[in-house]
N, C-alpha and C. Protein backbone atom coordinates (compact mmCIF):
# COMPACT_ATOMS: atom_id res chain seq x y z
N THR A 1 -184.39 -121.16 94.67
CA THR A 1 -185.36 -122.22 94.81
C THR A 1 -185.59 -122.95 93.50
N GLY A 2 -186.04 -124.16 93.62
CA GLY A 2 -186.24 -124.93 92.38
C GLY A 2 -187.21 -124.28 91.47
N GLY A 3 -186.94 -124.36 90.20
CA GLY A 3 -187.89 -123.84 89.19
C GLY A 3 -187.60 -122.40 88.85
N CYS A 4 -186.74 -121.73 89.60
CA CYS A 4 -186.41 -120.31 89.28
C CYS A 4 -185.31 -120.19 88.23
N THR A 5 -185.61 -119.35 87.23
CA THR A 5 -184.59 -119.06 86.22
C THR A 5 -184.38 -117.57 86.17
N TYR A 6 -183.18 -117.17 85.79
CA TYR A 6 -182.75 -115.80 85.76
C TYR A 6 -181.93 -115.48 84.49
N SER A 7 -182.12 -114.35 83.94
CA SER A 7 -181.28 -113.88 82.85
C SER A 7 -181.09 -112.36 82.91
N LEU A 8 -179.87 -111.86 82.48
CA LEU A 8 -179.60 -110.47 82.51
C LEU A 8 -179.47 -109.93 81.14
N SER A 9 -179.93 -108.60 80.91
CA SER A 9 -179.81 -108.02 79.65
C SER A 9 -179.48 -106.53 79.77
N PRO A 10 -178.37 -106.04 79.24
CA PRO A 10 -177.33 -106.75 78.55
C PRO A 10 -176.52 -107.61 79.57
N THR A 11 -175.46 -108.29 79.05
CA THR A 11 -174.61 -109.07 79.85
C THR A 11 -173.30 -108.43 80.16
N SER A 12 -173.05 -107.29 79.47
CA SER A 12 -171.74 -106.60 79.66
C SER A 12 -171.88 -105.16 79.23
N ALA A 13 -170.87 -104.31 79.65
CA ALA A 13 -170.78 -102.93 79.20
C ALA A 13 -169.33 -102.51 79.10
N ASN A 14 -169.08 -101.66 78.13
CA ASN A 14 -167.69 -101.06 77.96
C ASN A 14 -167.79 -99.62 78.35
N ILE A 15 -167.09 -99.25 79.38
CA ILE A 15 -167.15 -97.88 79.94
C ILE A 15 -165.79 -97.20 79.67
N GLY A 16 -165.90 -95.90 79.36
CA GLY A 16 -164.69 -95.06 79.19
C GLY A 16 -164.10 -94.72 80.52
N PRO A 17 -162.85 -94.09 80.49
CA PRO A 17 -162.13 -93.84 81.77
C PRO A 17 -162.95 -92.75 82.63
N GLY A 18 -163.77 -92.00 82.07
CA GLY A 18 -164.56 -91.02 82.85
C GLY A 18 -165.61 -91.57 83.78
N GLY A 19 -165.92 -92.84 83.56
CA GLY A 19 -166.98 -93.48 84.41
C GLY A 19 -168.29 -93.20 83.81
N ALA A 20 -169.32 -93.88 84.29
CA ALA A 20 -170.73 -93.78 83.74
C ALA A 20 -171.68 -94.44 84.71
N ASN A 21 -172.96 -94.23 84.42
CA ASN A 21 -174.06 -94.90 85.09
C ASN A 21 -174.72 -95.84 84.09
N GLY A 22 -175.29 -96.96 84.51
CA GLY A 22 -175.89 -97.91 83.66
C GLY A 22 -177.02 -98.66 84.29
N THR A 23 -177.73 -99.43 83.49
CA THR A 23 -178.89 -100.19 83.93
C THR A 23 -178.82 -101.60 83.40
N ILE A 24 -179.17 -102.58 84.23
CA ILE A 24 -179.19 -103.98 83.82
C ILE A 24 -180.68 -104.44 84.06
N GLY A 25 -181.23 -105.07 83.03
CA GLY A 25 -182.58 -105.68 83.20
C GLY A 25 -182.44 -107.12 83.62
N LEU A 26 -183.19 -107.48 84.67
CA LEU A 26 -183.19 -108.89 85.11
C LEU A 26 -184.54 -109.47 84.87
N THR A 27 -184.53 -110.61 84.23
CA THR A 27 -185.78 -111.31 83.97
C THR A 27 -185.76 -112.63 84.76
N SER A 28 -186.91 -112.87 85.49
CA SER A 28 -186.92 -114.02 86.40
C SER A 28 -188.31 -114.66 86.39
N THR A 29 -188.35 -115.86 86.83
CA THR A 29 -189.62 -116.48 87.04
C THR A 29 -190.44 -115.80 88.16
N ALA A 30 -191.69 -115.64 87.97
CA ALA A 30 -192.52 -114.90 88.99
C ALA A 30 -192.31 -115.58 90.36
N GLY A 31 -192.19 -114.72 91.39
CA GLY A 31 -192.07 -115.22 92.71
C GLY A 31 -190.65 -115.63 93.15
N CYS A 32 -189.71 -115.48 92.25
CA CYS A 32 -188.38 -115.89 92.60
C CYS A 32 -187.55 -114.70 93.06
N ASN A 33 -186.89 -114.80 94.21
CA ASN A 33 -186.15 -113.73 94.78
C ASN A 33 -184.68 -113.77 94.25
N TRP A 34 -184.09 -112.61 94.27
CA TRP A 34 -182.69 -112.51 93.85
C TRP A 34 -181.98 -111.33 94.55
N THR A 35 -180.71 -111.40 94.57
CA THR A 35 -179.89 -110.32 95.18
C THR A 35 -178.71 -109.98 94.16
N ALA A 36 -178.43 -108.76 93.97
CA ALA A 36 -177.35 -108.28 93.04
C ALA A 36 -176.18 -107.89 93.94
N VAL A 37 -175.04 -108.32 93.54
CA VAL A 37 -173.78 -108.05 94.29
C VAL A 37 -172.66 -107.60 93.32
N SER A 38 -171.93 -106.56 93.68
CA SER A 38 -170.76 -106.19 92.86
C SER A 38 -169.46 -106.70 93.55
N ASN A 39 -168.51 -107.11 92.72
CA ASN A 39 -167.28 -107.64 93.29
C ASN A 39 -166.17 -106.49 93.34
N SER A 40 -166.56 -105.30 93.13
CA SER A 40 -165.62 -104.21 93.11
C SER A 40 -166.15 -102.93 93.76
N ALA A 41 -165.27 -102.20 94.45
CA ALA A 41 -165.63 -100.99 95.12
C ALA A 41 -165.84 -99.81 94.13
N TRP A 42 -165.23 -99.97 92.89
CA TRP A 42 -165.41 -98.88 91.92
C TRP A 42 -166.63 -99.02 91.07
N ALA A 43 -167.24 -100.15 91.14
CA ALA A 43 -168.49 -100.38 90.40
C ALA A 43 -169.59 -100.70 91.45
N THR A 44 -170.37 -99.76 91.70
CA THR A 44 -171.35 -99.93 92.83
C THR A 44 -172.79 -100.01 92.30
N ILE A 45 -173.67 -100.71 93.06
CA ILE A 45 -175.07 -100.83 92.76
C ILE A 45 -175.80 -99.64 93.52
N THR A 46 -176.42 -98.85 92.69
CA THR A 46 -177.05 -97.66 93.24
C THR A 46 -178.54 -97.91 93.60
N SER A 47 -179.18 -98.84 92.91
CA SER A 47 -180.51 -99.27 93.28
C SER A 47 -180.83 -100.56 92.64
N GLY A 48 -181.78 -101.28 93.19
CA GLY A 48 -182.13 -102.55 92.66
C GLY A 48 -181.21 -103.68 93.11
N SER A 49 -180.75 -103.63 94.34
CA SER A 49 -179.80 -104.66 94.87
C SER A 49 -180.47 -105.95 95.30
N SER A 50 -181.85 -105.96 95.22
CA SER A 50 -182.59 -107.17 95.46
C SER A 50 -184.00 -107.00 94.96
N GLY A 51 -184.63 -108.15 94.67
CA GLY A 51 -186.02 -108.09 94.13
C GLY A 51 -186.63 -109.47 94.06
N ASN A 52 -187.82 -109.39 93.55
CA ASN A 52 -188.68 -110.65 93.38
C ASN A 52 -189.28 -110.59 92.01
N GLY A 53 -188.96 -111.64 91.20
CA GLY A 53 -189.44 -111.59 89.80
C GLY A 53 -188.61 -110.64 88.98
N ASN A 54 -189.20 -110.11 87.91
CA ASN A 54 -188.43 -109.18 87.09
C ASN A 54 -188.03 -107.92 87.85
N GLY A 55 -186.92 -107.34 87.46
CA GLY A 55 -186.43 -106.16 88.07
C GLY A 55 -185.37 -105.40 87.32
N THR A 56 -184.92 -104.33 87.84
CA THR A 56 -183.91 -103.45 87.20
C THR A 56 -182.81 -103.19 88.22
N ILE A 57 -181.54 -103.31 87.79
CA ILE A 57 -180.40 -103.04 88.61
C ILE A 57 -179.72 -101.84 88.01
N ASN A 58 -179.56 -100.77 88.82
CA ASN A 58 -178.79 -99.58 88.37
C ASN A 58 -177.43 -99.61 89.06
N TYR A 59 -176.40 -99.22 88.29
CA TYR A 59 -175.09 -99.20 88.81
C TYR A 59 -174.30 -97.97 88.43
N SER A 60 -173.19 -97.66 89.06
CA SER A 60 -172.35 -96.50 88.80
C SER A 60 -170.93 -96.97 88.78
N VAL A 61 -170.25 -96.49 87.75
CA VAL A 61 -168.77 -96.81 87.61
C VAL A 61 -168.01 -95.51 87.84
N GLN A 62 -167.00 -95.59 88.70
CA GLN A 62 -166.27 -94.40 89.12
C GLN A 62 -165.17 -94.13 87.94
N PRO A 63 -164.70 -92.95 87.84
CA PRO A 63 -163.60 -92.63 86.89
C PRO A 63 -162.37 -93.43 87.20
N ASN A 64 -161.64 -93.74 86.11
CA ASN A 64 -160.40 -94.55 86.14
C ASN A 64 -159.22 -93.74 85.78
N ALA A 65 -158.24 -93.57 86.77
CA ALA A 65 -157.00 -92.86 86.46
C ALA A 65 -155.90 -93.87 86.23
N GLY A 66 -156.19 -95.22 86.23
CA GLY A 66 -155.18 -96.23 86.12
C GLY A 66 -155.36 -97.05 84.93
N PRO A 67 -154.76 -98.32 84.88
CA PRO A 67 -154.90 -99.17 83.81
C PRO A 67 -156.30 -99.72 83.60
N ALA A 68 -156.49 -100.33 82.43
CA ALA A 68 -157.84 -100.95 82.14
C ALA A 68 -158.22 -101.92 83.27
N ARG A 69 -159.50 -102.06 83.58
CA ARG A 69 -159.92 -102.87 84.61
C ARG A 69 -161.31 -103.51 84.33
N SER A 70 -161.65 -104.55 85.07
CA SER A 70 -162.92 -105.18 84.90
C SER A 70 -163.58 -105.41 86.24
N ALA A 71 -164.88 -105.50 86.27
CA ALA A 71 -165.68 -105.78 87.49
C ALA A 71 -166.88 -106.60 87.10
N THR A 72 -167.46 -107.31 88.00
CA THR A 72 -168.63 -108.17 87.73
C THR A 72 -169.76 -107.89 88.77
N ILE A 73 -170.93 -107.73 88.26
CA ILE A 73 -172.11 -107.72 89.06
C ILE A 73 -172.88 -109.03 88.87
N THR A 74 -173.19 -109.69 89.93
CA THR A 74 -173.82 -111.02 89.87
C THR A 74 -175.22 -110.90 90.48
N ALA A 75 -176.19 -111.45 89.76
CA ALA A 75 -177.55 -111.51 90.27
C ALA A 75 -178.16 -112.80 89.76
N GLY A 76 -178.89 -113.54 90.68
CA GLY A 76 -179.47 -114.76 90.30
C GLY A 76 -178.59 -115.78 89.65
N GLY A 77 -177.33 -115.75 90.05
CA GLY A 77 -176.36 -116.66 89.47
C GLY A 77 -175.88 -116.28 88.11
N GLN A 78 -176.27 -115.13 87.56
CA GLN A 78 -175.89 -114.64 86.22
C GLN A 78 -174.95 -113.52 86.50
N SER A 79 -173.99 -113.34 85.53
CA SER A 79 -172.97 -112.33 85.64
C SER A 79 -173.06 -111.25 84.56
N PHE A 80 -172.85 -110.00 85.04
CA PHE A 80 -172.77 -108.86 84.14
C PHE A 80 -171.35 -108.28 84.30
N THR A 81 -170.65 -108.17 83.13
CA THR A 81 -169.22 -107.73 83.20
C THR A 81 -169.08 -106.31 82.78
N ILE A 82 -168.38 -105.49 83.55
CA ILE A 82 -168.01 -104.17 83.22
C ILE A 82 -166.56 -104.07 82.86
N ASN A 83 -166.25 -103.59 81.62
CA ASN A 83 -164.91 -103.42 81.13
C ASN A 83 -164.68 -101.95 81.06
N GLN A 84 -163.77 -101.40 81.79
CA GLN A 84 -163.46 -99.98 81.74
C GLN A 84 -162.04 -99.71 81.16
N THR A 85 -161.98 -98.89 80.20
CA THR A 85 -160.73 -98.59 79.54
C THR A 85 -159.79 -97.81 80.40
N SER A 86 -158.49 -97.83 80.09
CA SER A 86 -157.45 -97.19 80.85
C SER A 86 -157.64 -95.63 80.92
N GLY A 87 -157.39 -95.06 82.03
CA GLY A 87 -157.40 -93.65 82.21
C GLY A 87 -155.99 -93.10 82.54
N CYS A 88 -154.97 -93.87 82.20
CA CYS A 88 -153.57 -93.42 82.48
C CYS A 88 -153.20 -92.27 81.64
N THR A 89 -152.63 -91.30 82.32
CA THR A 89 -152.07 -90.10 81.54
C THR A 89 -150.57 -90.00 81.86
N TYR A 90 -149.90 -89.44 80.93
CA TYR A 90 -148.41 -89.37 81.01
C TYR A 90 -147.88 -87.96 80.73
N SER A 91 -146.84 -87.65 81.37
CA SER A 91 -146.16 -86.37 81.04
C SER A 91 -144.62 -86.57 81.26
N VAL A 92 -143.84 -85.71 80.65
CA VAL A 92 -142.38 -85.76 80.89
C VAL A 92 -141.88 -84.43 81.36
N ASN A 93 -140.90 -84.49 82.29
CA ASN A 93 -140.47 -83.24 82.95
C ASN A 93 -138.90 -83.36 83.22
N PRO A 94 -138.12 -82.49 82.57
CA PRO A 94 -138.57 -81.44 81.63
C PRO A 94 -138.89 -82.02 80.34
N THR A 95 -139.33 -81.17 79.39
CA THR A 95 -139.73 -81.66 78.11
C THR A 95 -138.62 -81.53 77.01
N SER A 96 -137.50 -80.92 77.38
CA SER A 96 -136.36 -80.84 76.45
C SER A 96 -135.09 -80.53 77.16
N GLN A 97 -134.00 -80.78 76.47
CA GLN A 97 -132.72 -80.49 76.99
C GLN A 97 -131.76 -80.06 75.92
N ASN A 98 -130.93 -79.06 76.19
CA ASN A 98 -129.85 -78.67 75.20
C ASN A 98 -128.59 -79.27 75.57
N MET A 99 -127.87 -79.81 74.52
CA MET A 99 -126.63 -80.46 74.78
C MET A 99 -125.54 -79.88 73.87
N THR A 100 -124.28 -80.02 74.25
CA THR A 100 -123.20 -79.50 73.43
C THR A 100 -122.98 -80.66 72.36
N GLY A 101 -122.19 -80.14 71.31
CA GLY A 101 -121.88 -81.08 70.18
C GLY A 101 -121.07 -82.32 70.66
N ASN A 102 -120.39 -82.16 71.75
CA ASN A 102 -119.66 -83.36 72.24
C ASN A 102 -120.51 -84.49 72.80
N GLY A 103 -121.78 -84.16 73.05
CA GLY A 103 -122.70 -85.18 73.56
C GLY A 103 -122.52 -85.33 75.04
N GLY A 104 -123.17 -86.34 75.61
CA GLY A 104 -123.10 -86.55 77.01
C GLY A 104 -124.40 -87.24 77.50
N TYR A 105 -124.40 -87.39 78.85
CA TYR A 105 -125.54 -88.04 79.53
C TYR A 105 -126.65 -87.07 79.89
N GLY A 106 -127.86 -87.55 79.89
CA GLY A 106 -129.02 -86.68 80.32
C GLY A 106 -130.11 -87.54 80.95
N ALA A 107 -131.09 -86.96 81.52
CA ALA A 107 -132.16 -87.62 82.20
C ALA A 107 -133.42 -86.79 82.17
N PHE A 108 -134.54 -87.38 82.23
CA PHE A 108 -135.83 -86.69 82.48
C PHE A 108 -136.77 -87.64 83.27
N ASN A 109 -137.82 -87.05 83.87
CA ASN A 109 -138.78 -87.76 84.63
C ASN A 109 -139.96 -88.06 83.86
N VAL A 110 -140.57 -89.25 84.06
CA VAL A 110 -141.83 -89.64 83.56
C VAL A 110 -142.86 -89.53 84.67
N VAL A 111 -143.93 -88.85 84.50
CA VAL A 111 -144.95 -88.63 85.57
C VAL A 111 -146.24 -89.24 85.03
N THR A 112 -146.85 -90.12 85.88
CA THR A 112 -148.10 -90.80 85.50
C THR A 112 -149.21 -90.48 86.42
N SER A 113 -150.43 -90.69 86.03
CA SER A 113 -151.62 -90.46 86.89
C SER A 113 -151.85 -91.52 87.91
N ASN A 114 -151.14 -92.62 87.80
CA ASN A 114 -151.43 -93.76 88.76
C ASN A 114 -150.15 -94.62 88.80
N SER A 115 -149.82 -95.09 90.00
CA SER A 115 -148.56 -95.82 90.14
C SER A 115 -148.56 -97.20 89.41
N SER A 116 -149.79 -97.63 88.93
CA SER A 116 -149.90 -98.85 88.22
C SER A 116 -149.85 -98.64 86.64
N CYS A 117 -149.71 -97.38 86.23
CA CYS A 117 -149.69 -97.07 84.80
C CYS A 117 -148.32 -97.49 84.19
N SER A 118 -148.28 -98.35 83.19
CA SER A 118 -147.00 -98.77 82.60
C SER A 118 -146.71 -97.96 81.34
N TRP A 119 -145.46 -97.86 81.01
CA TRP A 119 -145.03 -97.10 79.87
C TRP A 119 -143.75 -97.64 79.24
N THR A 120 -143.41 -97.16 78.01
CA THR A 120 -142.23 -97.54 77.35
C THR A 120 -141.58 -96.32 76.73
N ALA A 121 -140.28 -96.08 76.93
CA ALA A 121 -139.61 -94.96 76.32
C ALA A 121 -138.88 -95.47 75.09
N THR A 122 -139.01 -94.75 73.99
CA THR A 122 -138.40 -95.13 72.73
C THR A 122 -137.63 -94.01 72.11
N SER A 123 -136.34 -94.19 71.74
CA SER A 123 -135.57 -93.22 71.04
C SER A 123 -135.95 -93.27 69.54
N ASN A 124 -136.18 -92.09 69.08
CA ASN A 124 -136.53 -91.94 67.62
C ASN A 124 -135.35 -91.64 66.73
N ASP A 125 -134.15 -91.56 67.31
CA ASP A 125 -132.94 -91.15 66.60
C ASP A 125 -131.79 -92.04 66.92
N PRO A 126 -131.02 -92.47 65.95
CA PRO A 126 -129.90 -93.36 66.33
C PRO A 126 -128.82 -92.82 67.16
N TRP A 127 -128.74 -91.46 67.26
CA TRP A 127 -127.68 -90.81 68.06
C TRP A 127 -128.09 -90.57 69.53
N ILE A 128 -129.32 -90.99 69.84
CA ILE A 128 -129.80 -90.98 71.28
C ILE A 128 -130.04 -92.34 71.67
N TYR A 129 -129.34 -92.78 72.77
CA TYR A 129 -129.41 -94.14 73.27
C TYR A 129 -129.90 -94.10 74.73
N ILE A 130 -131.00 -94.78 75.01
CA ILE A 130 -131.53 -94.92 76.35
C ILE A 130 -130.71 -95.90 77.15
N THR A 131 -130.11 -95.46 78.21
CA THR A 131 -129.20 -96.32 79.04
C THR A 131 -129.92 -96.95 80.20
N ALA A 132 -131.03 -96.42 80.71
CA ALA A 132 -131.79 -96.92 81.82
C ALA A 132 -133.19 -96.34 81.79
N GLY A 133 -134.17 -97.14 82.25
CA GLY A 133 -135.58 -96.61 82.39
C GLY A 133 -136.30 -96.67 81.02
N GLY A 134 -135.94 -97.59 80.19
CA GLY A 134 -136.66 -97.79 78.93
C GLY A 134 -138.06 -98.29 79.08
N ILE A 135 -138.34 -99.05 80.15
CA ILE A 135 -139.66 -99.56 80.49
C ILE A 135 -139.89 -99.27 81.95
N GLY A 136 -141.06 -98.83 82.25
CA GLY A 136 -141.38 -98.54 83.71
C GLY A 136 -142.84 -98.55 84.04
N THR A 137 -143.16 -98.37 85.28
CA THR A 137 -144.47 -98.34 85.85
C THR A 137 -144.50 -97.17 86.90
N GLY A 138 -145.52 -96.30 86.73
CA GLY A 138 -145.62 -95.21 87.67
C GLY A 138 -144.54 -94.11 87.36
N ASN A 139 -144.31 -93.27 88.37
CA ASN A 139 -143.26 -92.23 88.18
C ASN A 139 -141.89 -92.82 88.21
N ALA A 140 -140.97 -92.40 87.32
CA ALA A 140 -139.70 -92.91 87.21
C ALA A 140 -138.83 -92.03 86.30
N GLU A 141 -137.50 -92.30 86.27
CA GLU A 141 -136.50 -91.50 85.47
C GLU A 141 -136.12 -92.31 84.34
N VAL A 142 -135.90 -91.56 83.19
CA VAL A 142 -135.29 -92.16 81.95
C VAL A 142 -133.94 -91.59 81.78
N ASN A 143 -132.93 -92.37 81.62
CA ASN A 143 -131.54 -91.91 81.41
C ASN A 143 -131.11 -92.20 80.03
N TYR A 144 -130.40 -91.29 79.40
CA TYR A 144 -129.98 -91.46 77.99
C TYR A 144 -128.57 -90.87 77.78
N ILE A 145 -127.99 -91.19 76.65
CA ILE A 145 -126.74 -90.57 76.24
C ILE A 145 -126.97 -90.06 74.75
N ALA A 146 -126.44 -88.91 74.44
CA ALA A 146 -126.38 -88.35 73.13
C ALA A 146 -125.05 -88.46 72.64
N PHE A 147 -124.81 -89.04 71.50
CA PHE A 147 -123.47 -89.22 70.92
C PHE A 147 -123.01 -87.91 70.33
N GLN A 148 -121.76 -87.82 70.06
CA GLN A 148 -121.06 -86.62 69.54
C GLN A 148 -121.76 -86.30 68.18
N ASN A 149 -121.99 -85.02 68.00
CA ASN A 149 -122.56 -84.50 66.77
C ASN A 149 -121.44 -84.09 65.78
N THR A 150 -121.35 -84.89 64.73
CA THR A 150 -120.26 -84.65 63.78
C THR A 150 -120.82 -84.04 62.50
N THR A 151 -122.12 -83.69 62.56
CA THR A 151 -122.75 -83.13 61.31
C THR A 151 -122.32 -81.69 61.03
N GLY A 152 -121.85 -81.02 62.13
CA GLY A 152 -121.43 -79.63 61.90
C GLY A 152 -122.53 -78.62 62.18
N GLY A 153 -123.72 -79.07 62.33
CA GLY A 153 -124.84 -78.15 62.59
C GLY A 153 -125.76 -78.65 63.68
N LEU A 154 -126.68 -77.81 64.06
CA LEU A 154 -127.67 -78.14 65.12
C LEU A 154 -128.50 -79.31 64.67
N ARG A 155 -128.78 -80.26 65.57
CA ARG A 155 -129.67 -81.32 65.29
C ARG A 155 -130.70 -81.57 66.47
N THR A 156 -131.81 -82.02 66.11
CA THR A 156 -132.79 -82.25 67.09
C THR A 156 -133.29 -83.76 67.01
N GLY A 157 -133.44 -84.31 68.21
CA GLY A 157 -133.95 -85.71 68.30
C GLY A 157 -134.97 -85.79 69.40
N THR A 158 -135.68 -86.91 69.49
CA THR A 158 -136.71 -87.10 70.45
C THR A 158 -136.69 -88.44 71.06
N ILE A 159 -137.15 -88.53 72.28
CA ILE A 159 -137.54 -89.80 72.98
C ILE A 159 -139.01 -89.70 73.19
N THR A 160 -139.76 -90.77 72.86
CA THR A 160 -141.22 -90.72 73.04
C THR A 160 -141.63 -91.72 74.16
N VAL A 161 -142.42 -91.16 75.10
CA VAL A 161 -142.93 -92.08 76.14
C VAL A 161 -144.46 -92.05 76.12
N ASN A 162 -145.11 -93.12 75.63
CA ASN A 162 -146.53 -93.20 75.53
C ASN A 162 -147.19 -91.95 74.99
N GLY A 163 -146.74 -91.51 73.87
CA GLY A 163 -147.29 -90.36 73.20
C GLY A 163 -146.74 -88.98 73.56
N GLN A 164 -145.88 -88.98 74.61
CA GLN A 164 -145.32 -87.71 75.04
C GLN A 164 -143.85 -87.60 74.53
N SER A 165 -143.45 -86.48 74.11
CA SER A 165 -142.11 -86.33 73.55
C SER A 165 -141.17 -85.57 74.38
N PHE A 166 -139.93 -86.06 74.56
CA PHE A 166 -138.82 -85.35 75.17
C PHE A 166 -137.86 -85.01 74.03
N THR A 167 -137.46 -83.74 73.95
CA THR A 167 -136.63 -83.32 72.86
C THR A 167 -135.20 -82.98 73.26
N VAL A 168 -134.24 -83.46 72.42
CA VAL A 168 -132.83 -83.15 72.68
C VAL A 168 -132.41 -82.26 71.60
N ASN A 169 -131.88 -81.12 71.90
CA ASN A 169 -131.38 -80.13 71.01
C ASN A 169 -129.86 -80.16 71.16
N GLN A 170 -129.12 -80.57 70.06
CA GLN A 170 -127.71 -80.67 70.20
C GLN A 170 -127.02 -79.80 69.12
N SER A 171 -126.09 -79.02 69.67
CA SER A 171 -125.31 -78.15 68.73
C SER A 171 -124.28 -78.99 68.03
N GLY A 172 -123.70 -78.38 66.97
CA GLY A 172 -122.62 -79.09 66.25
C GLY A 172 -121.34 -79.08 67.07
N SER A 173 -120.46 -80.02 66.78
CA SER A 173 -119.16 -80.10 67.41
C SER A 173 -118.35 -78.90 66.85
N THR A 174 -117.62 -78.29 67.77
CA THR A 174 -116.78 -77.21 67.35
C THR A 174 -115.48 -77.78 66.85
N PRO A 175 -115.05 -77.58 65.59
CA PRO A 175 -113.84 -78.19 65.05
C PRO A 175 -112.60 -77.45 65.72
N LYS A 176 -111.62 -78.25 66.03
CA LYS A 176 -110.40 -77.68 66.67
C LYS A 176 -109.70 -76.85 65.66
N ALA A 177 -109.19 -75.69 66.11
CA ALA A 177 -108.53 -74.80 65.27
C ALA A 177 -107.14 -75.34 64.83
N PRO A 178 -106.75 -75.20 63.55
CA PRO A 178 -105.41 -75.71 63.23
C PRO A 178 -104.30 -74.99 63.93
N PHE A 179 -103.20 -75.65 64.10
CA PHE A 179 -102.09 -74.90 64.65
C PHE A 179 -101.63 -73.77 63.78
N ASP A 180 -101.36 -72.65 64.31
CA ASP A 180 -100.92 -71.48 63.55
C ASP A 180 -99.35 -71.37 63.63
N PHE A 181 -98.74 -71.68 62.58
CA PHE A 181 -97.32 -71.53 62.47
C PHE A 181 -96.94 -70.29 61.76
N ASP A 182 -96.18 -69.39 62.39
CA ASP A 182 -95.77 -68.15 61.77
C ASP A 182 -94.44 -68.33 61.09
């Protein structure tokens, strides 16, 4: 109605992946009605969904197992923004592989907590080359090749996927025996 003014305090909140409860204070001209509405199913209004004059809006944010996300609660034409950080978790399976000194192809699986969680696989050693699956979303496979080990001894290298490490243990190449002439 004419002459009604509204303001929210605070106007935003940063929430961790575990979720949380919060409160918004609404200040309004006396006698002015308002309704609070959330635009997201994971950020719900638990009390104070409507009122007259000044009021309090309580809300609850569910845990997040996926990428960062945002929601808005609107009341009296004013917006309150909820920013929730990513809850994506990552693991690799298996966590290591043993290879002969001659090298060869290998693969491992990336497992994520949500099909929308994105990741990047990075080789930390020049003798390990990622052939497929360097970038992905959700559960997927990473393929790589380990080049021949000419160092003569065991070497260890890694591929990192969003903080998780896959280890390649490679033995040294076995030198061919010289011909034995009697």
